[in-house]
Protein backbone atom coordinates (compact mmCIF):
# COMPACT_ATOMS: atom_id res chain seq x y z
CA UNK A 1 -55.75 25.26 -95.65
CA UNK A 2 -55.65 24.27 -91.99
CA UNK A 3 -56.17 21.80 -89.17
CA UNK A 4 -57.07 22.27 -85.51
CA UNK A 5 -56.45 25.46 -83.56
CA UNK A 6 -53.89 25.31 -80.77
CA UNK A 7 -56.65 25.33 -78.16
CA UNK A 8 -58.29 22.29 -79.74
CA UNK A 9 -61.21 24.22 -81.22
CA UNK A 10 -62.18 24.82 -84.82
CA UNK A 11 -60.89 28.19 -85.95
CA UNK A 12 -63.25 30.47 -87.95
CA UNK A 13 -61.38 32.71 -90.36
CA UNK A 14 -62.75 35.77 -92.16
CA UNK A 15 -61.96 35.50 -95.87
CA UNK A 16 -63.77 35.29 -99.20
CA UNK A 17 -64.43 31.80 -100.37
CA UNK A 18 -62.33 30.97 -103.41
CA UNK A 19 -64.09 30.31 -106.71
CA UNK A 20 -64.33 26.93 -108.41
CA UNK A 21 -61.34 27.58 -110.63
CA UNK A 22 -59.09 28.88 -107.84
CA UNK A 23 -59.78 26.34 -105.09
CA UNK A 24 -57.22 23.63 -104.19
CA UNK A 25 -58.34 20.72 -102.07
CA UNK A 26 -56.00 19.49 -99.29
CA UNK A 27 -57.07 15.87 -98.95
CA UNK A 28 -55.13 15.27 -95.73
CA UNK A 29 -56.67 18.27 -94.03
CA UNK A 30 -60.09 17.39 -95.31
CA UNK A 31 -59.92 13.92 -93.89
CA UNK A 32 -59.81 15.45 -90.41
CA UNK A 33 -63.15 17.23 -90.87
CA UNK A 34 -64.99 13.96 -90.42
CA UNK A 35 -66.46 13.96 -93.94
CA UNK A 36 -66.20 11.04 -96.31
CA UNK A 37 -65.04 12.91 -99.46
CA UNK A 38 -64.31 16.40 -100.72
CA UNK A 39 -67.09 18.20 -102.66
CA UNK A 40 -66.80 18.44 -106.45
CA UNK A 41 -65.79 21.71 -108.00
CA UNK A 42 -69.21 22.69 -109.25
CA UNK A 43 -70.85 22.12 -105.92
CA UNK A 44 -68.06 23.92 -104.12
CA UNK A 45 -68.46 26.85 -106.44
CA UNK A 46 -72.18 27.05 -105.79
CA UNK A 47 -71.59 26.82 -102.01
CA UNK A 48 -68.95 29.51 -102.29
CA UNK A 49 -71.42 31.78 -104.00
CA UNK A 50 -74.08 31.09 -101.37
CA UNK A 51 -71.77 31.65 -98.38
CA UNK A 52 -69.80 34.39 -100.15
CA UNK A 53 -68.08 35.96 -97.09
CA UNK A 54 -67.19 33.36 -94.47
CA UNK A 55 -65.88 29.83 -94.34
CA UNK A 56 -64.72 27.40 -91.74
CA UNK A 57 -61.06 26.74 -92.23
CA UNK A 58 -59.16 23.99 -90.43
CA UNK A 59 -55.47 24.43 -89.81
CA UNK A 60 -53.08 22.00 -91.33
CA UNK A 61 -52.59 18.55 -89.90
CA UNK A 62 -49.05 19.36 -89.00
CA UNK A 63 -50.32 21.81 -86.36
CA UNK A 64 -51.90 18.88 -84.52
CA UNK A 65 -48.62 17.02 -84.80
CA UNK A 66 -46.78 20.00 -83.37
CA UNK A 67 -49.23 20.14 -80.50
CA UNK A 68 -48.65 16.46 -79.75
CA UNK A 69 -44.89 16.90 -79.91
CA UNK A 70 -45.09 19.92 -77.65
CA UNK A 71 -46.95 17.82 -75.11
CA UNK A 72 -44.29 15.14 -75.03
CA UNK A 73 -41.53 17.76 -74.88
CA UNK A 74 -43.27 19.33 -71.88
CA UNK A 75 -43.62 15.94 -70.18
CA UNK A 76 -39.95 15.24 -70.86
CA UNK A 77 -38.96 18.62 -69.47
CA UNK A 78 -40.95 17.99 -66.30
CA UNK A 79 -39.30 14.59 -65.93
CA UNK A 80 -35.88 16.20 -66.40
CA UNK A 81 -36.69 18.82 -63.77
CA UNK A 82 -37.83 16.09 -61.38
CA UNK A 83 -34.59 14.21 -62.01
CA UNK A 84 -32.52 17.32 -61.33
CA UNK A 85 -34.40 17.95 -58.12
CA UNK A 86 -33.95 14.33 -57.08
CA UNK A 87 -30.24 14.63 -57.82
CA UNK A 88 -29.83 17.52 -55.35
CA UNK A 89 -28.72 15.19 -52.61
CA UNK A 90 -25.56 14.43 -50.72
CA UNK A 91 -24.79 10.76 -51.37
CA UNK A 92 -22.47 8.75 -49.13
CA UNK A 93 -21.21 5.24 -49.83
CA UNK A 94 -19.75 3.32 -46.89
CA UNK A 95 -17.63 0.85 -48.86
CA UNK A 96 -16.73 -2.53 -47.43
CA UNK A 97 -12.94 -2.75 -47.24
CA UNK A 98 -12.96 -5.41 -44.53
CA UNK A 99 -12.25 -3.32 -41.45
CA UNK A 100 -10.36 -0.49 -43.12
CA UNK A 101 -12.04 2.67 -44.30
CA UNK A 102 -13.23 3.99 -47.62
CA UNK A 103 -16.16 6.37 -47.73
CA UNK A 104 -17.22 8.02 -50.98
CA UNK A 105 -19.19 11.26 -50.86
CA UNK A 106 -20.81 12.85 -53.91
CA UNK A 107 -21.97 16.41 -53.30
CA UNK A 108 -25.08 18.02 -54.79
CA UNK A 109 -22.74 19.90 -57.13
CA UNK A 110 -21.32 16.59 -58.39
CA UNK A 111 -17.94 16.87 -56.67
CA UNK A 112 -16.40 13.76 -55.16
CA UNK A 113 -14.70 13.38 -51.80
CA UNK A 114 -13.19 9.98 -51.03
CA UNK A 115 -12.24 9.52 -47.40
CA UNK A 116 -9.50 6.86 -47.31
CA UNK A 117 -8.92 4.06 -49.80
CA UNK A 118 -8.69 0.82 -47.86
CA UNK A 119 -5.94 -1.80 -48.08
CA UNK A 120 -3.50 -2.50 -50.91
CA UNK A 121 -3.42 -5.67 -52.99
CA UNK A 122 -5.26 -8.64 -51.51
CA UNK A 123 -6.39 -6.67 -48.47
CA UNK A 124 -4.07 -7.21 -45.52
CA UNK A 125 -1.48 -5.14 -43.70
CA UNK A 126 1.19 -7.31 -45.27
CA UNK A 127 -0.16 -6.86 -48.81
CA UNK A 128 1.72 -4.77 -51.36
CA UNK A 129 0.32 -2.79 -54.28
CA UNK A 130 0.21 -4.96 -57.39
CA UNK A 131 -1.89 -5.25 -60.53
CA UNK A 132 -4.72 -2.73 -60.04
CA UNK A 133 -7.14 -5.09 -61.80
CA UNK A 134 -6.54 -7.60 -59.02
CA UNK A 135 -6.69 -5.08 -56.15
CA UNK A 136 -9.58 -5.94 -53.86
CA UNK A 137 -10.34 -2.56 -52.31
CA UNK A 138 -9.55 -0.36 -55.30
CA UNK A 139 -12.00 -2.43 -57.35
CA UNK A 140 -14.70 -1.98 -54.71
CA UNK A 141 -14.19 1.78 -54.70
CA UNK A 142 -14.45 1.91 -58.50
CA UNK A 143 -17.66 -0.12 -58.32
CA UNK A 144 -19.18 2.40 -55.91
CA UNK A 145 -18.01 5.29 -58.12
CA UNK A 146 -19.63 3.64 -61.11
CA UNK A 147 -22.89 3.29 -59.18
CA UNK A 148 -22.66 6.98 -58.30
CA UNK A 149 -21.96 7.81 -61.97
CA UNK A 150 -18.67 9.56 -61.24
CA UNK A 151 -15.40 8.99 -63.08
CA UNK A 152 -12.85 10.83 -60.98
CA UNK A 153 -11.96 11.70 -57.40
CA UNK A 154 -11.82 15.46 -56.89
CA UNK A 155 -10.51 15.21 -53.32
CA UNK A 156 -8.89 12.20 -51.68
CA UNK A 157 -8.93 12.76 -47.94
CA UNK A 158 -6.58 10.47 -45.99
CA UNK A 159 -7.44 10.52 -42.29
CA UNK A 160 -4.13 8.96 -41.22
CA UNK A 161 -1.28 6.83 -42.46
CA UNK A 162 -2.08 3.20 -41.82
CA UNK A 163 -2.27 0.69 -44.65
CA UNK A 164 -5.99 0.04 -44.11
CA UNK A 165 -6.59 3.72 -44.95
CA UNK A 166 -3.90 4.81 -47.42
CA UNK A 167 -2.84 1.42 -48.80
CA UNK A 168 -5.28 1.30 -51.72
CA UNK A 169 -4.29 4.64 -53.22
CA UNK A 170 -1.51 3.34 -55.50
CA UNK A 171 -3.86 0.98 -57.34
CA UNK A 172 -6.87 3.29 -57.27
CA UNK A 173 -4.86 6.06 -58.97
CA UNK A 174 -4.28 3.70 -61.90
CA UNK A 175 -8.00 3.03 -62.26
CA UNK A 176 -9.38 6.56 -61.98
CA UNK A 177 -7.86 10.05 -61.76
CA UNK A 178 -7.31 11.69 -58.37
CA UNK A 179 -7.09 15.49 -58.50
CA UNK A 180 -6.26 16.68 -54.98
CA UNK A 181 -4.81 14.93 -51.93
CA UNK A 182 -5.74 16.08 -48.43
CA UNK A 183 -3.89 14.77 -45.35
CA UNK A 184 -1.76 15.78 -42.36
CA UNK A 185 1.54 15.60 -44.19
CA UNK A 186 3.70 12.77 -42.88
CA UNK A 187 3.77 9.80 -40.56
CA UNK A 188 5.65 9.75 -37.28
CA UNK A 189 8.52 7.18 -37.11
CA UNK A 190 7.08 5.58 -33.97
CA UNK A 191 4.05 4.36 -35.94
CA UNK A 192 6.22 1.66 -37.50
CA UNK A 193 6.77 0.14 -34.07
CA UNK A 194 3.10 -0.58 -33.46
CA UNK A 195 2.04 -1.29 -37.05
CA UNK A 196 4.87 -2.77 -39.13
CA UNK A 197 4.74 -1.75 -42.76
CA UNK A 198 3.31 1.70 -42.05
CA UNK A 199 6.35 3.50 -43.44
CA UNK A 200 6.37 1.49 -46.67
CA UNK A 201 2.67 2.13 -47.19
CA UNK A 202 3.15 5.83 -46.61
CA UNK A 203 6.10 6.03 -49.01
CA UNK A 204 4.05 4.38 -51.76
CA UNK A 205 1.18 6.76 -51.09
CA UNK A 206 3.43 9.83 -51.01
CA UNK A 207 4.85 8.95 -54.45
CA UNK A 208 1.35 9.08 -55.92
CA UNK A 209 0.48 12.20 -53.97
CA UNK A 210 3.48 14.01 -55.49
CA UNK A 211 1.82 13.84 -58.91
CA UNK A 212 -1.23 15.85 -57.84
CA UNK A 213 -2.23 18.86 -55.80
CA UNK A 214 -1.66 18.52 -52.05
CA UNK A 215 -3.47 20.26 -49.17
CA UNK A 216 -2.50 20.03 -45.49
CA UNK A 217 -5.49 21.54 -43.68
CA UNK A 218 -5.26 23.14 -40.29
CA UNK A 219 -7.81 23.00 -37.51
CA UNK A 220 -10.92 24.95 -38.47
CA UNK A 221 -10.07 24.94 -42.19
CA UNK A 222 -12.83 24.13 -44.66
CA UNK A 223 -12.45 21.85 -47.63
CA UNK A 224 -13.03 23.63 -50.97
CA UNK A 225 -16.30 21.84 -51.74
CA UNK A 226 -19.33 23.54 -53.27
CA UNK A 227 -22.68 23.39 -51.53
CA UNK A 228 -21.45 21.68 -48.37
CA UNK A 229 -19.48 22.86 -45.35
CA UNK A 230 -16.71 20.43 -44.39
CA UNK A 231 -14.71 21.74 -41.45
CA UNK A 232 -11.61 20.10 -39.97
CA UNK A 233 -12.14 19.26 -36.29
CA UNK A 234 -9.00 17.21 -35.61
CA UNK A 235 -5.54 16.72 -37.09
CA UNK A 236 -1.98 15.84 -36.00
CA UNK A 237 -3.06 14.97 -32.47
CA UNK A 238 -4.92 18.22 -31.80
CA UNK A 239 -8.56 19.30 -31.98
CA UNK A 240 -10.54 22.49 -32.32
CA UNK A 241 -10.81 24.45 -29.08
CA UNK A 242 -13.86 26.57 -29.85
CA UNK A 243 -17.26 24.88 -30.23
CA UNK A 244 -18.83 24.66 -33.67
CA UNK A 245 -22.21 26.23 -34.32
CA UNK A 246 -24.83 24.24 -32.43
CA UNK A 247 -22.31 22.99 -29.86
CA UNK A 248 -21.06 24.41 -26.58
CA UNK A 249 -21.65 23.84 -22.90
CA UNK A 250 -20.10 21.43 -20.45
CA UNK A 251 -20.56 17.70 -20.84
CA UNK A 252 -21.71 16.15 -17.53
CA UNK A 253 -21.02 12.60 -18.77
CA UNK A 254 -17.25 13.00 -18.92
CA UNK A 255 -14.96 10.61 -17.10
CA UNK A 256 -11.96 12.08 -15.24
CA UNK A 257 -9.61 11.10 -18.08
CA UNK A 258 -9.57 9.74 -21.61
CA UNK A 259 -9.49 6.07 -22.47
CA UNK A 260 -6.13 4.93 -23.81
CA UNK A 261 -5.77 4.65 -27.57
CA UNK A 262 -5.15 1.07 -28.72
CA UNK A 263 -2.59 2.37 -31.22
CA UNK A 264 -1.01 5.44 -29.60
CA UNK A 265 1.04 6.95 -32.44
CA UNK A 266 -0.90 7.46 -35.66
CA UNK A 267 -4.57 6.89 -34.79
CA UNK A 268 -4.73 9.89 -32.41
CA UNK A 269 -3.34 12.05 -35.25
CA UNK A 270 -6.33 11.29 -37.49
CA UNK A 271 -7.69 14.21 -39.46
CA UNK A 272 -11.45 14.38 -38.99
CA UNK A 273 -14.25 16.49 -40.43
CA UNK A 274 -17.79 17.47 -39.66
CA UNK A 275 -19.61 17.91 -42.95
CA UNK A 276 -22.86 19.83 -43.18
CA UNK A 277 -25.34 19.99 -46.08
CA UNK A 278 -28.17 22.33 -45.18
CA UNK A 279 -29.48 20.94 -41.90
CA UNK A 280 -27.87 17.53 -42.36
CA UNK A 281 -24.64 16.83 -40.45
CA UNK A 282 -22.16 13.99 -40.78
CA UNK A 283 -19.10 13.29 -38.61
CA UNK A 284 -16.08 11.23 -39.68
CA UNK A 285 -12.93 11.36 -37.54
CA UNK A 286 -11.16 8.30 -38.94
CA UNK A 287 -9.45 6.29 -36.21
CA UNK A 288 -9.28 9.21 -33.78
CA UNK A 289 -8.90 7.86 -30.27
CA UNK A 290 -7.32 8.55 -26.93
CA UNK A 291 -7.07 12.12 -25.71
CA UNK A 292 -7.98 13.89 -29.00
CA UNK A 293 -11.30 12.03 -29.32
CA UNK A 294 -11.96 12.72 -25.65
CA UNK A 295 -11.15 16.43 -26.19
CA UNK A 296 -13.96 16.83 -28.74
CA UNK A 297 -16.44 15.88 -26.03
CA UNK A 298 -14.84 16.72 -22.69
CA UNK A 299 -14.96 18.80 -20.67
CA UNK A 300 -16.94 20.84 -23.23
CA UNK A 301 -19.08 19.80 -26.15
CA UNK A 302 -17.13 21.08 -29.20
CA UNK A 303 -18.83 19.30 -32.10
CA UNK A 304 -22.49 19.27 -31.22
CA UNK A 305 -25.20 16.95 -32.50
CA UNK A 306 -24.92 15.22 -35.86
CA UNK A 307 -27.37 13.15 -37.85
CA UNK A 308 -24.91 10.41 -38.80
CA UNK A 309 -21.74 9.43 -36.96
CA UNK A 310 -19.23 7.05 -38.51
CA UNK A 311 -18.07 5.60 -35.21
CA UNK A 312 -14.38 6.23 -34.68
CA UNK A 313 -11.81 3.48 -35.18
CA UNK A 314 -14.23 1.01 -36.78
CA UNK A 315 -16.12 0.79 -33.50
CA UNK A 316 -13.09 -0.40 -31.53
CA UNK A 317 -13.07 -0.55 -27.75
CA UNK A 318 -11.31 2.84 -27.52
CA UNK A 319 -14.34 4.48 -29.22
CA UNK A 320 -16.84 3.26 -26.63
CA UNK A 321 -16.78 6.30 -24.31
CA UNK A 322 -20.41 7.29 -23.56
CA UNK A 323 -19.36 10.95 -23.38
CA UNK A 324 -18.61 11.06 -27.10
CA UNK A 325 -21.97 9.58 -28.03
CA UNK A 326 -23.70 12.04 -25.72
CA UNK A 327 -21.90 14.94 -27.38
CA UNK A 328 -22.39 13.82 -30.98
CA UNK A 329 -25.99 12.74 -30.27
CA UNK A 330 -26.39 10.89 -33.59
CA UNK A 331 -29.66 9.69 -35.06
CA UNK A 332 -27.77 6.96 -36.90
CA UNK A 333 -24.41 5.36 -36.14
CA UNK A 334 -22.41 3.50 -38.78
CA UNK A 335 -19.67 0.95 -38.07
CA UNK A 336 -17.14 0.21 -40.83
CA UNK A 337 -16.05 -2.97 -39.08
CA UNK A 338 -15.05 -6.44 -40.25
CA UNK A 339 -16.07 -9.69 -38.53
CA UNK A 340 -13.15 -9.38 -36.07
CA UNK A 341 -11.77 -5.85 -36.55
CA UNK A 342 -13.73 -3.17 -34.73
CA UNK A 343 -17.26 -3.91 -33.61
CA UNK A 344 -16.17 -4.22 -29.98
CA UNK A 345 -18.74 -5.48 -27.45
CA UNK A 346 -18.18 -2.31 -25.40
CA UNK A 347 -19.24 -0.14 -28.36
CA UNK A 348 -22.40 -2.16 -28.93
CA UNK A 349 -23.21 -1.83 -25.23
CA UNK A 350 -22.68 1.94 -25.27
CA UNK A 351 -24.79 2.40 -28.40
CA UNK A 352 -27.76 0.71 -26.76
CA UNK A 353 -27.96 3.52 -24.22
CA UNK A 354 -27.64 6.54 -26.52
CA UNK A 355 -30.68 8.78 -26.30
CA UNK A 356 -32.27 9.54 -29.67
CA UNK A 357 -30.29 6.92 -31.55
CA UNK A 358 -32.68 5.42 -34.09
CA UNK A 359 -30.46 2.83 -35.76
CA UNK A 360 -27.01 1.31 -35.94
CA UNK A 361 -25.78 0.16 -39.35
CA UNK A 362 -22.87 -2.27 -39.66
CA UNK A 363 -20.76 -3.16 -42.68
CA UNK A 364 -20.22 -6.59 -41.16
CA UNK A 365 -21.72 -8.80 -38.52
CA UNK A 366 -19.20 -8.93 -35.69
CA UNK A 367 -18.03 -12.33 -34.51
CA UNK A 368 -16.19 -10.92 -31.50
CA UNK A 369 -17.20 -12.75 -28.31
CA UNK A 370 -19.88 -10.80 -26.48
CA UNK A 371 -20.72 -8.52 -29.43
CA UNK A 372 -24.49 -8.15 -29.58
CA UNK A 373 -25.04 -7.29 -33.21
CA UNK A 374 -27.98 -5.19 -34.29
CA UNK A 375 -30.69 -6.42 -36.67
CA UNK A 376 -29.65 -8.26 -39.82
CA UNK A 377 -31.61 -5.69 -41.81
CA UNK A 378 -28.98 -3.13 -40.78
CA UNK A 379 -25.95 -5.32 -41.56
CA UNK A 380 -24.59 -5.15 -45.09
CA UNK A 381 -22.51 -8.35 -44.95
CA UNK A 382 -23.43 -11.32 -42.82
CA UNK A 383 -20.11 -13.04 -43.56
CA UNK A 384 -16.91 -12.50 -45.52
CA UNK A 385 -18.21 -13.94 -48.78
CA UNK A 386 -19.83 -10.64 -49.82
CA UNK A 387 -18.77 -7.01 -50.10
CA UNK A 388 -21.94 -4.91 -50.08
CA UNK A 389 -21.86 -1.22 -49.25
CA UNK A 390 -24.23 0.93 -47.23
CA UNK A 391 -25.52 3.95 -49.14
CA UNK A 392 -26.92 7.14 -47.62
CA UNK A 393 -28.73 9.92 -49.47
CA UNK A 394 -29.40 13.20 -47.62
CA UNK A 395 -31.35 16.35 -48.49
CA UNK A 396 -30.72 19.84 -47.22
CA UNK A 397 -33.79 19.85 -44.97
CA UNK A 398 -32.02 17.33 -42.73
CA UNK A 399 -33.94 14.25 -43.86
CA UNK A 400 -32.07 11.28 -45.27
CA UNK A 401 -32.44 7.64 -46.16
CA UNK A 402 -30.12 4.66 -45.91
CA UNK A 403 -29.94 1.55 -48.08
CA UNK A 404 -28.54 -1.85 -47.24
CA UNK A 405 -26.69 -2.92 -50.38
CA UNK A 406 -27.33 -6.56 -49.58
CA UNK A 407 -31.11 -6.26 -49.48
CA UNK A 408 -31.62 -3.19 -51.67
CA UNK A 409 -34.10 -1.86 -49.10
CA UNK A 410 -34.09 1.81 -48.09
CA UNK A 411 -35.06 3.20 -44.71
CA UNK A 412 -36.09 6.87 -44.44
CA UNK A 413 -35.32 9.23 -41.58
CA UNK A 414 -37.52 12.29 -41.55
CA UNK A 415 -36.55 15.78 -40.46
CA UNK A 416 -35.54 15.97 -36.82
CA UNK A 417 -37.36 18.71 -34.96
CA UNK A 418 -34.23 19.81 -33.17
CA UNK A 419 -30.54 19.02 -33.40
CA UNK A 420 -30.48 17.68 -29.91
CA UNK A 421 -29.24 18.98 -26.56
CA UNK A 422 -29.13 22.65 -25.82
CA UNK A 423 -26.00 24.66 -25.18
CA UNK A 424 -26.25 23.53 -21.58
CA UNK A 425 -24.67 20.30 -22.75
CA UNK A 426 -25.82 16.72 -23.11
CA UNK A 427 -27.54 14.78 -20.40
CA UNK A 428 -26.29 11.47 -19.05
CA UNK A 429 -27.10 8.92 -21.79
CA UNK A 430 -27.12 6.10 -19.26
CA UNK A 431 -30.29 7.58 -17.76
CA UNK A 432 -32.09 7.48 -21.06
CA UNK A 433 -34.21 4.67 -22.40
CA UNK A 434 -32.88 2.29 -24.99
CA UNK A 435 -33.45 3.11 -28.65
CA UNK A 436 -35.82 1.13 -30.84
CA UNK A 437 -32.99 -0.95 -32.32
CA UNK A 438 -32.60 -4.44 -30.84
CA UNK A 439 -29.58 -6.69 -30.88
CA UNK A 440 -28.99 -10.29 -31.73
CA UNK A 441 -27.59 -12.98 -29.51
CA UNK A 442 -23.79 -13.16 -29.31
CA UNK A 443 -22.23 -15.39 -31.92
CA UNK A 444 -19.23 -17.65 -31.68
CA UNK A 445 -15.85 -17.04 -33.23
CA UNK A 446 -13.32 -14.23 -33.35
CA UNK A 447 -11.56 -12.28 -30.61
CA UNK A 448 -12.04 -8.73 -29.46
CA UNK A 449 -9.12 -6.33 -29.15
CA UNK A 450 -9.78 -6.11 -25.44
CA UNK A 451 -9.26 -9.85 -25.16
CA UNK A 452 -5.89 -9.97 -26.82
CA UNK A 453 -6.58 -9.83 -30.54
CA UNK A 454 -3.45 -9.48 -32.69
CA UNK A 455 -2.41 -5.96 -33.76
CA UNK A 456 -3.71 -6.52 -37.30
CA UNK A 457 -7.27 -6.87 -36.01
CA UNK A 458 -7.52 -3.49 -34.32
CA UNK A 459 -5.47 -0.97 -36.31
């Protein structure tokens, strides 16, 4: 006995019709023929004699059920495929650690790279590691990891050894496993003179590092990540000397010499990377400043254009050189500043003259005198009562989108036709028109580093 054919049509089957004493009536199948009741045996026998050679047989009801199930399985499979395709992105979380750094990257292959881990304890340079459940920055990193659906850190990349970058590692390691540590080895003794507590923070970090795998990359080395190309462009006070692909040429915007680094011992030793996923490029050089930051841009363009630039040193005054912005030629700039740390007025002023810059995103509104903040829609935290992150999701065609964690609103950036200036080098950005982004009026409160802020506000 049968029901509907797989193609939805009635199936005609060649077979002798059974006699009245051999026939068995399938009531369920019969109900799907549209008739009100099965024929009696005598009538069926007479019809069988009349038809004799052919009958219309309907497949069993369960065939229709199978067809329905197959449909939903197919729909589910398509949804799963769509989810997998959607997941093939590079996701970056710029985590608010109040003027330190912690940036979580999740690759298309699902690997995790955490660049720095913020402050220890309550979140100051004087803080010490304590109960991990009470640790401000470690908890914020775990929250971002949970949002990204990751449970471990495959690579912890420490740009340099200041407590606002390596201080949170002790507590974070107690909350989630860290597999591999990447850094430039050790801190110079002089760093303690400019930032007291640096040596203690490093010692605590090194004790955790000793329990895992440790990599000290050299210039030009690539991190062992699948599906992305993360190349080291600076470390231990030196930078690459040969231009990366897409870079090259002299930079006509260069000043005769580099700006002085606000902290001259450890910041210039920052280990920085340019990470590329398909056509998308991201640059993070930690607190690189002084001559090494200058060397990436002058006299020759060594890095080339990027899509997103995490502005060096939290957007401090020593990262304001127009030559670097001309070389990196970002579409989007991100500042991991706090209300008073980083976010220097000079950086805001430089950013307003960068050709091709579409937006500036800030982790905090700056309260430094003279700082013309960009639109509130691009600021994750309007004051210190919140700790929202900025999330970026990039695809390999070079397009990406950015979300303000405070508003939950995404902004999309479509594929750029070209990655910027030719090998002849960048043009003078001060001759270019202002970008579409507009600033806000200066706000009261705070002090900039250039106006005598204490050391804790600009490390």
